[in-house]
N, C-alpha and C. Protein backbone atom coordinates (compact mmCIF):
# COMPACT_ATOMS: atom_id res chain seq x y z
N UNK A 1 0.86 -1.22 -0.01
CA UNK A 1 0.06 0.07 -0.03
C UNK A 1 0.80 1.25 0.07
N UNK A 2 0.64 2.08 -0.99
CA UNK A 2 1.36 3.41 -1.03
C UNK A 2 0.52 4.43 -0.41
N UNK A 3 1.06 5.16 0.67
CA UNK A 3 0.43 6.20 1.42
C UNK A 3 1.10 7.62 0.95
N UNK A 4 0.16 8.43 1.27
CA UNK A 4 0.49 9.92 1.07
C UNK A 4 0.29 10.67 2.49
N UNK A 5 0.84 11.83 2.73
CA UNK A 5 0.71 12.57 3.90
C UNK A 5 -0.05 13.84 3.42
N UNK A 6 -0.83 14.27 4.46
CA UNK A 6 -1.48 15.61 4.40
C UNK A 6 -1.28 16.22 5.71
N UNK A 7 -1.17 17.53 5.91
CA UNK A 7 -0.97 18.21 7.12
C UNK A 7 -1.79 19.50 7.15
N UNK A 8 -2.50 19.60 8.31
CA UNK A 8 -3.53 20.76 8.46
C UNK A 8 -3.49 21.25 9.77
N UNK A 9 -3.72 22.63 9.87
CA UNK A 9 -3.93 23.31 11.17
C UNK A 9 -5.34 23.97 10.97
N UNK A 10 -6.16 23.50 11.91
CA UNK A 10 -7.67 24.01 11.84
C UNK A 10 -8.20 24.16 13.36
N UNK A 11 -7.35 24.72 14.23
CA UNK A 11 -7.78 24.86 15.57
C UNK A 11 -7.05 23.90 16.48
N UNK A 12 -7.65 23.64 17.71
CA UNK A 12 -7.02 22.69 18.67
C UNK A 12 -6.99 21.37 17.99
N UNK A 13 -5.71 20.74 17.96
CA UNK A 13 -5.50 19.54 17.05
C UNK A 13 -6.22 18.34 17.63
N UNK A 14 -6.67 18.25 18.78
CA UNK A 14 -7.37 17.02 19.31
C UNK A 14 -8.58 16.77 18.59
N UNK A 15 -9.39 17.74 18.47
CA UNK A 15 -10.66 17.60 17.63
C UNK A 15 -10.41 17.31 16.25
N UNK A 16 -9.54 18.13 15.67
CA UNK A 16 -9.21 17.97 14.18
C UNK A 16 -8.61 16.44 13.97
N UNK A 17 -7.88 16.03 14.94
CA UNK A 17 -7.25 14.71 14.72
C UNK A 17 -8.31 13.65 14.73
N UNK A 18 -9.29 13.81 15.66
CA UNK A 18 -10.37 12.72 15.83
C UNK A 18 -11.25 12.68 14.53
N UNK A 19 -11.50 13.88 13.83
CA UNK A 19 -12.22 13.94 12.73
C UNK A 19 -11.49 13.08 11.50
N UNK A 20 -10.17 13.40 11.29
CA UNK A 20 -9.55 12.76 10.29
C UNK A 20 -9.27 11.25 10.56
N UNK A 21 -9.02 10.89 11.87
CA UNK A 21 -8.86 9.57 12.21
C UNK A 21 -10.01 8.53 11.75
N UNK A 22 -11.20 9.03 11.85
CA UNK A 22 -12.34 8.44 11.56
C UNK A 22 -12.56 7.99 10.05
N UNK A 23 -11.91 8.63 9.25
CA UNK A 23 -12.03 8.60 7.85
C UNK A 23 -11.67 7.29 7.23
N UNK A 24 -12.43 6.63 6.42
CA UNK A 24 -11.97 5.34 5.80
C UNK A 24 -10.87 5.73 4.76
N UNK A 25 -9.80 4.94 4.73
CA UNK A 25 -8.70 5.29 3.88
C UNK A 25 -7.54 5.86 4.63
N UNK A 26 -7.74 6.40 5.80
CA UNK A 26 -6.83 7.00 6.65
C UNK A 26 -6.13 6.01 7.54
N UNK A 27 -4.81 5.82 7.31
CA UNK A 27 -4.09 4.68 8.00
C UNK A 27 -3.52 5.08 9.40
N UNK A 28 -3.27 6.46 9.44
CA UNK A 28 -2.70 7.07 10.81
C UNK A 28 -3.00 8.55 10.83
N UNK A 29 -2.98 8.93 12.01
CA UNK A 29 -2.93 10.41 12.31
C UNK A 29 -1.94 10.71 13.45
N UNK A 30 -1.33 11.86 13.38
CA UNK A 30 -0.57 12.26 14.59
C UNK A 30 -0.74 13.79 14.75
N UNK A 31 -0.76 14.08 15.97
CA UNK A 31 -0.86 15.60 16.35
C UNK A 31 0.64 16.20 16.54
N UNK A 32 0.77 17.50 16.40
CA UNK A 32 2.05 18.06 16.57
C UNK A 32 2.18 19.51 16.27
N UNK A 33 3.31 20.03 15.93
CA UNK A 33 3.34 21.43 15.52
C UNK A 33 4.08 21.52 14.25
N UNK A 34 3.96 22.67 13.59
CA UNK A 34 4.52 22.92 12.27
C UNK A 34 4.58 24.40 11.97
N UNK A 35 5.44 24.87 11.26
CA UNK A 35 5.42 26.28 10.66
C UNK A 35 6.02 27.24 11.67
N UNK A 36 6.81 26.89 12.62
CA UNK A 36 7.34 27.98 13.59
C UNK A 36 8.85 28.17 13.33
N UNK A 37 9.45 28.78 14.34
CA UNK A 37 10.80 29.15 14.28
C UNK A 37 11.73 28.63 15.31
N UNK A 38 11.09 27.66 16.04
CA UNK A 38 11.96 26.95 17.13
C UNK A 38 12.08 25.39 16.94
N UNK A 39 13.05 24.96 17.17
CA UNK A 39 13.41 23.47 17.13
C UNK A 39 12.71 22.64 18.17
N UNK A 40 11.98 21.66 17.86
CA UNK A 40 11.28 20.85 18.85
C UNK A 40 10.63 21.51 20.00
N UNK A 41 9.65 22.38 19.58
CA UNK A 41 8.80 23.12 20.53
C UNK A 41 8.07 22.34 21.56
N UNK A 42 7.84 22.75 22.67
CA UNK A 42 6.86 22.09 23.72
C UNK A 42 5.59 22.77 23.51
N UNK A 43 4.57 22.06 24.16
CA UNK A 43 3.31 22.83 24.16
C UNK A 43 3.32 24.20 24.78
N UNK A 44 4.04 24.45 25.86
CA UNK A 44 4.17 25.65 26.53
C UNK A 44 4.88 26.74 25.58
N UNK A 45 5.86 26.29 24.80
CA UNK A 45 6.54 27.23 23.85
C UNK A 45 5.45 27.72 22.81
N UNK A 46 4.76 26.66 22.18
CA UNK A 46 3.74 26.99 21.25
C UNK A 46 2.63 27.93 21.73
N UNK A 47 2.27 27.73 23.09
CA UNK A 47 1.10 28.53 23.65
C UNK A 47 1.56 29.95 24.02
N UNK A 48 3.01 30.07 24.01
CA UNK A 48 3.43 31.55 24.31
C UNK A 48 3.14 32.33 23.21
N UNK A 49 2.67 31.92 21.96
CA UNK A 49 2.41 32.76 20.86
C UNK A 49 3.63 33.37 20.34
N UNK A 50 4.75 32.76 20.58
CA UNK A 50 6.09 33.53 20.18
C UNK A 50 6.89 32.65 19.23
N UNK A 51 6.45 31.40 19.01
CA UNK A 51 7.17 30.48 18.20
C UNK A 51 6.70 30.43 16.73
N UNK A 52 5.49 30.87 16.49
CA UNK A 52 4.94 30.85 15.03
C UNK A 52 4.39 29.50 14.70
N UNK A 53 4.47 28.57 15.60
CA UNK A 53 3.86 27.16 15.21
C UNK A 53 2.44 27.14 15.17
N UNK A 54 1.94 26.30 14.40
CA UNK A 54 0.53 26.00 14.42
C UNK A 54 0.26 24.54 15.01
N UNK A 55 -0.77 24.38 15.68
CA UNK A 55 -1.12 23.02 16.06
C UNK A 55 -1.75 22.35 14.89
N UNK A 56 -1.09 21.19 14.58
CA UNK A 56 -1.44 20.52 13.20
C UNK A 56 -1.66 19.10 13.36
N UNK A 57 -2.41 18.50 12.40
CA UNK A 57 -2.50 17.07 12.31
C UNK A 57 -1.87 16.59 11.23
N UNK A 58 -1.13 15.61 11.27
CA UNK A 58 -0.55 14.99 10.06
C UNK A 58 -1.23 13.73 9.69
N UNK A 59 -1.89 13.57 8.52
CA UNK A 59 -2.74 12.50 8.17
C UNK A 59 -1.99 11.64 7.09
N UNK A 60 -1.98 10.35 7.37
CA UNK A 60 -1.45 9.40 6.37
C UNK A 60 -2.60 8.69 5.76
N UNK A 61 -2.62 8.61 4.51
CA UNK A 61 -3.85 8.14 3.85
C UNK A 61 -3.45 7.27 2.55
N UNK A 62 -4.39 6.33 2.32
CA UNK A 62 -4.31 5.60 1.01
C UNK A 62 -5.06 6.23 -0.17
N UNK A 63 -4.29 6.90 -0.99
CA UNK A 63 -5.09 7.58 -2.13
C UNK A 63 -5.95 6.69 -3.02
N UNK A 64 -5.85 5.45 -2.89
CA UNK A 64 -6.65 4.55 -3.69
C UNK A 64 -8.09 4.37 -2.85
N UNK A 65 -8.06 4.74 -1.61
CA UNK A 65 -9.35 4.71 -0.88
C UNK A 65 -9.97 6.12 -0.52
N UNK A 66 -9.12 7.01 -0.51
CA UNK A 66 -9.64 8.37 -0.21
C UNK A 66 -8.69 9.30 -1.01
N UNK A 67 -9.28 10.36 -1.58
CA UNK A 67 -8.49 11.26 -2.41
C UNK A 67 -7.94 12.43 -1.44
N UNK A 68 -7.05 13.12 -1.97
CA UNK A 68 -6.55 14.36 -1.22
C UNK A 68 -7.74 15.38 -1.26
N UNK A 69 -8.33 15.42 -2.33
CA UNK A 69 -9.58 16.48 -2.60
C UNK A 69 -10.58 16.05 -1.49
N UNK A 70 -10.88 14.84 -1.21
CA UNK A 70 -11.95 14.40 -0.24
C UNK A 70 -11.46 14.76 1.13
N UNK A 71 -10.15 14.59 1.28
CA UNK A 71 -9.64 15.03 2.72
C UNK A 71 -9.91 16.61 2.79
N UNK A 72 -9.44 17.33 1.69
CA UNK A 72 -9.61 18.77 1.83
C UNK A 72 -11.06 19.08 2.04
N UNK A 73 -12.11 18.45 1.55
CA UNK A 73 -13.38 18.76 1.82
C UNK A 73 -13.79 18.63 3.28
N UNK A 74 -13.24 17.49 3.93
CA UNK A 74 -13.39 17.38 5.32
C UNK A 74 -12.70 18.60 6.13
N UNK A 75 -11.62 18.89 5.68
CA UNK A 75 -10.87 20.13 6.25
C UNK A 75 -11.76 21.25 6.28
N UNK A 76 -12.33 21.71 5.15
CA UNK A 76 -13.08 22.89 4.94
C UNK A 76 -14.49 22.88 5.86
N UNK A 77 -14.96 21.59 5.91
CA UNK A 77 -16.22 21.35 6.58
C UNK A 77 -16.15 21.23 8.19
N UNK A 78 -14.85 21.36 8.70
CA UNK A 78 -14.79 21.03 10.18
C UNK A 78 -14.13 22.15 10.82
N UNK A 79 -14.04 23.36 10.29
CA UNK A 79 -13.63 24.54 11.10
C UNK A 79 -13.96 25.73 10.41
N UNK A 80 -13.80 26.93 10.91
CA UNK A 80 -14.11 28.23 10.45
C UNK A 80 -12.86 28.73 9.60
N UNK A 81 -12.74 28.76 8.29
CA UNK A 81 -11.53 29.30 7.75
C UNK A 81 -11.48 30.77 7.56
N UNK A 82 -12.50 31.41 8.13
CA UNK A 82 -12.53 32.94 8.03
C UNK A 82 -12.09 33.71 9.19
N UNK A 83 -11.72 32.98 10.31
CA UNK A 83 -11.06 33.63 11.49
C UNK A 83 -9.67 33.55 11.64
N UNK A 84 -9.02 34.66 11.73
CA UNK A 84 -7.53 34.66 11.58
C UNK A 84 -6.99 34.35 13.06
N UNK A 85 -6.24 33.28 13.20
CA UNK A 85 -5.65 32.95 14.46
C UNK A 85 -6.74 32.56 15.56
N UNK A 86 -7.83 32.00 15.10
CA UNK A 86 -8.84 31.71 16.11
C UNK A 86 -9.73 30.72 15.55
N UNK A 87 -10.19 29.68 16.56
CA UNK A 87 -11.15 28.70 16.25
C UNK A 87 -12.08 28.66 17.49
N UNK A 88 -13.26 29.14 17.38
CA UNK A 88 -14.16 29.23 18.54
C UNK A 88 -13.53 29.97 19.71
N UNK A 89 -13.40 29.35 20.96
CA UNK A 89 -12.82 30.15 22.05
C UNK A 89 -11.33 30.13 21.97
N UNK A 90 -10.68 29.28 21.15
CA UNK A 90 -9.20 29.24 21.12
C UNK A 90 -8.59 30.36 20.32
N UNK A 91 -7.71 31.10 20.90
CA UNK A 91 -7.14 32.32 20.25
C UNK A 91 -5.76 32.27 20.27
N UNK A 92 -5.01 32.54 19.13
CA UNK A 92 -3.55 32.60 19.07
C UNK A 92 -3.03 32.01 17.77
N UNK A 93 -1.82 32.39 17.22
CA UNK A 93 -1.41 31.88 16.01
C UNK A 93 -1.50 30.46 15.86
N UNK A 94 -1.23 29.68 17.09
CA UNK A 94 -1.22 28.27 16.93
C UNK A 94 -2.48 27.59 16.45
N UNK A 95 -3.65 28.47 16.43
CA UNK A 95 -4.87 27.95 16.03
C UNK A 95 -5.43 28.44 14.66
N UNK A 96 -4.38 28.82 13.82
CA UNK A 96 -4.64 29.28 12.60
C UNK A 96 -5.12 28.21 11.56
N UNK A 97 -5.77 28.67 10.54
CA UNK A 97 -6.19 27.73 9.42
C UNK A 97 -5.11 27.68 8.51
N UNK A 98 -4.52 26.49 8.30
CA UNK A 98 -3.38 26.47 7.41
C UNK A 98 -3.28 25.01 6.81
N UNK A 99 -3.03 24.94 5.49
CA UNK A 99 -2.65 23.74 4.85
C UNK A 99 -1.33 23.68 4.38
N UNK A 100 -0.62 22.71 4.98
CA UNK A 100 0.86 22.51 4.58
C UNK A 100 0.87 21.31 3.56
N UNK A 101 1.32 21.70 2.36
CA UNK A 101 1.35 20.72 1.23
C UNK A 101 2.62 20.06 1.07
N UNK A 102 2.45 18.77 0.70
CA UNK A 102 3.62 17.89 0.57
C UNK A 102 4.10 17.66 -0.93
N UNK A 103 3.49 18.21 -1.85
CA UNK A 103 3.86 18.08 -3.26
C UNK A 103 3.27 19.14 -4.01
N UNK A 104 3.63 19.39 -5.13
CA UNK A 104 3.08 20.35 -6.10
C UNK A 104 1.68 20.14 -6.35
N UNK A 105 1.34 18.74 -6.57
CA UNK A 105 0.01 18.42 -6.77
C UNK A 105 -0.96 18.94 -5.58
N UNK A 106 -0.52 18.61 -4.36
CA UNK A 106 -1.21 19.04 -3.14
C UNK A 106 -1.38 20.58 -3.17
N UNK A 107 -0.37 21.36 -3.42
CA UNK A 107 -0.46 22.73 -3.50
C UNK A 107 -1.44 23.28 -4.58
N UNK A 108 -1.48 22.69 -5.70
CA UNK A 108 -2.53 23.09 -6.68
C UNK A 108 -3.93 22.71 -6.19
N UNK A 109 -4.08 21.50 -5.69
CA UNK A 109 -5.44 21.07 -5.24
C UNK A 109 -5.85 21.93 -4.02
N UNK A 110 -4.90 22.38 -3.08
CA UNK A 110 -5.25 23.15 -2.00
C UNK A 110 -5.75 24.61 -2.44
N UNK A 111 -5.00 25.15 -3.44
CA UNK A 111 -5.31 26.46 -3.86
C UNK A 111 -6.63 26.43 -4.64
N UNK A 112 -6.91 25.35 -5.40
CA UNK A 112 -8.12 25.36 -6.16
C UNK A 112 -9.31 25.18 -5.12
N UNK A 113 -9.19 24.39 -4.18
CA UNK A 113 -10.16 24.21 -3.24
C UNK A 113 -10.43 25.46 -2.43
N UNK A 114 -9.46 26.22 -2.01
CA UNK A 114 -9.48 27.40 -1.35
C UNK A 114 -10.38 28.44 -2.21
N UNK A 115 -10.02 28.53 -3.55
CA UNK A 115 -10.87 29.40 -4.43
C UNK A 115 -12.27 28.92 -4.45
N UNK A 116 -12.51 27.62 -4.66
CA UNK A 116 -13.86 27.15 -4.78
C UNK A 116 -14.69 27.57 -3.44
N UNK A 117 -14.07 27.30 -2.40
CA UNK A 117 -14.87 27.54 -1.14
C UNK A 117 -15.17 29.10 -0.86
N UNK A 118 -14.01 29.84 -1.29
CA UNK A 118 -14.13 31.22 -1.19
C UNK A 118 -15.25 31.90 -2.13
N UNK A 119 -15.43 31.27 -3.33
CA UNK A 119 -16.49 31.65 -4.28
C UNK A 119 -17.67 30.94 -4.07
N UNK A 120 -17.86 30.06 -3.07
CA UNK A 120 -19.17 29.28 -3.05
C UNK A 120 -20.25 30.11 -2.36
N UNK A 121 -19.98 31.06 -1.59
CA UNK A 121 -20.93 31.80 -0.84
C UNK A 121 -21.26 31.20 0.57
N UNK A 122 -20.47 30.24 0.80
CA UNK A 122 -20.75 29.43 2.12
C UNK A 122 -20.36 30.31 3.25
N UNK A 123 -19.36 31.08 3.17
CA UNK A 123 -18.94 31.94 4.24
C UNK A 123 -19.21 33.36 3.96
N UNK A 124 -19.64 34.18 4.84
CA UNK A 124 -19.81 35.63 4.63
C UNK A 124 -18.59 36.52 4.74
N UNK A 125 -17.49 35.92 5.18
CA UNK A 125 -16.26 36.71 5.34
C UNK A 125 -15.25 35.99 4.41
N UNK A 126 -14.12 36.76 4.13
CA UNK A 126 -13.10 36.07 3.42
C UNK A 126 -12.37 34.89 4.06
N UNK A 127 -11.92 33.88 3.12
CA UNK A 127 -11.28 32.77 3.75
C UNK A 127 -9.87 33.13 3.92
N UNK A 128 -9.41 33.02 5.13
CA UNK A 128 -7.93 33.33 5.35
C UNK A 128 -6.96 32.18 5.54
N UNK A 129 -7.49 31.10 5.23
CA UNK A 129 -6.52 30.01 5.35
C UNK A 129 -5.20 30.09 4.53
N UNK A 130 -4.11 29.87 5.16
CA UNK A 130 -2.69 29.87 4.64
C UNK A 130 -2.49 28.62 3.93
N UNK A 131 -1.72 28.78 2.90
CA UNK A 131 -1.32 27.53 2.11
C UNK A 131 0.31 27.54 1.92
N UNK A 132 0.94 26.69 2.74
CA UNK A 132 2.53 26.73 2.71
C UNK A 132 3.09 25.44 2.43
N UNK A 133 4.28 25.32 1.95
CA UNK A 133 5.06 24.03 1.90
C UNK A 133 5.15 23.46 3.41
N UNK A 134 5.00 22.14 3.43
CA UNK A 134 5.09 21.33 4.62
C UNK A 134 6.56 21.42 5.15
N UNK A 135 6.66 22.08 6.41
CA UNK A 135 7.84 22.18 7.07
C UNK A 135 8.11 20.98 7.96
N UNK A 136 9.17 20.95 8.78
CA UNK A 136 9.36 19.89 9.71
C UNK A 136 8.19 19.71 10.61
N UNK A 137 7.75 18.61 10.88
CA UNK A 137 6.62 18.21 11.76
C UNK A 137 7.18 17.81 13.10
N UNK A 138 6.79 18.58 14.14
CA UNK A 138 7.26 18.26 15.43
C UNK A 138 6.12 17.59 16.27
N UNK A 139 6.42 16.55 16.98
CA UNK A 139 5.49 15.73 17.77
C UNK A 139 5.76 16.29 19.24
């Protein structure tokens, strides 16, 4: 079985991880931090709002069972991509909406899906989700 990785920030990683873990075709999930400026950050470091890391979920999936586009649909459906650095009561840069892509194909799919969700009329405010190359994933 050939698997691919997808990495997302969409608020507190525990709820996000649970959502992705339940999907058929997902072989594993892991919570951690990505996108910051400190090596091997602790939870306390990230919560200081000084490291620039996002709380993220790394999803390993079998593309013959679930596509990256389907995983993106789940991402968009399970958080508010219009609030900068906030999901519900959780506030801080670690809770930002971000897609970390692992290939040029994932980047293109993420950009296309962001444009589609932005133009869909589903949200009455601009979508602020960041799309960035996947950096080191810290557990």
